[in-house]
Amino acid sequence: MGVTLREVIKKYGDVQVIHGIDLDINEGEFAVFVGPSGCGKSTLLRMIAGLEETTDGHINISDREVTHLEPSDRGVAMVFQTYALYPHMTVEQNMGFGLKMNGAPKSEIDQKVAGASDILKLGPYLKRKPAALSGGQRQRVAIGRSIVRDPKVFLFDEPLSNLDAELRVEMRVEISRLHNEIGATMIYVTHDQVEAMTLADKIVVLRDGRIEQVGAPLNLYDDPDNQFVAGFIGSPAMNFLEGIARSGAVEVPDLKLTLPVQANLPADGTPVIVGLRPEHLEIIDGDTLHLDLIEHLGGTSFMHLDTANGTRLIAEARSARDRQRDTKVGLSVPSGPVYVFEKEGGKRIR
């Protein structure tokens, strides 16, 4: 077993921020905590690390209860958003410093630093100091410092937030490759659902200190339990419109469409929320919607549309070269599922 949480609660005085979390992360799994700012994902990670006290509940790592152990006794290594490297030390010295402080012999330190630098492609930079490195290289050094400790679990707290867009993509690939190579259990916190989708074996979607849904990335994308998860997982986000339940279908007045659905719909005339993924929409000739903006990304374009009452939609198109912004268009839904949610509470209607 990797990491197990049972009825985990965190309070600051009278304010409860983590509400009875139950979670299993298997050995060797890459789990990503994702959610909006303030949802509790970093607090939960720090509780696993021992940097935040657990108010109630139990945390186990490798079948050993660690709920009230010191961070150094838990067998975890944490990589922070800030690199926290010693500027006067070389890469080699930074990576081996923790082992040196713990009294490890020089031969063991050299061996482990060499092994970590091979994995992270840091060999040419071992004699450099952090000031001579790029942001991505510094983050690799911070990860290397964790690898040499041989932890049972790696914890990453938004490690790519300080990098530019190109480096973020590069480091995502590096971290994914690292996980495949060393096979360690990894828990990663991010607010960026693209990072979550591309890195995770298992995504844990959090909101207000509670788990909304847990699952493999594509399972959450294809089969969300509620409107929150449906809107959070996927980029661009799912479109939501007011709908009315009909026999075996939902009427969407804003689109002047009635769409068949495979779901146990409520009584005819019941208001519902209809969810449509951008890639399942097709722009056609018509006057239902206002085409406000076109984002050309090369092979794909994102079409930003406004309904008559001001609801904003995004449709993904493979070819939009013949379309012009600030024109009237129509919309069809030729493929893909139509998601239906309860208007109050947002629960998925299946």
Foldseek 3Di string as FASTA:
>chain_A
DAKWWAQWWDDDVPRTQAGGDTDDFDWLFEEEEAEDPSLCPVVVLCQLQQVGQTPDTFMDGPNHTCNNPHNVPNQEAEQEQDLPFDQVQFLLCRLLVVVVVVPHDPVLSVVLLVVLCVLLVCVVRRGPGPVPDDLLSSSSSSVSSRRSSVGQEYEYENNCPPDDPVSVVVVLVSVQSSSVVPSHHYYYYDNDLVSNLSRGQKYFYGGSNYTLDIHGLVCLCQPPFFPRSQQRHDVVGWAKAKWWDDVQWIQGVLQRDIGGADFDDDDGGAIWIKTHHQAQKDKAADASWAFADWADPDQKIWTWIATPVGRIDIHIDRDDPVDDHGDGIHMDRPDDHMWIAHPPPGGTGD
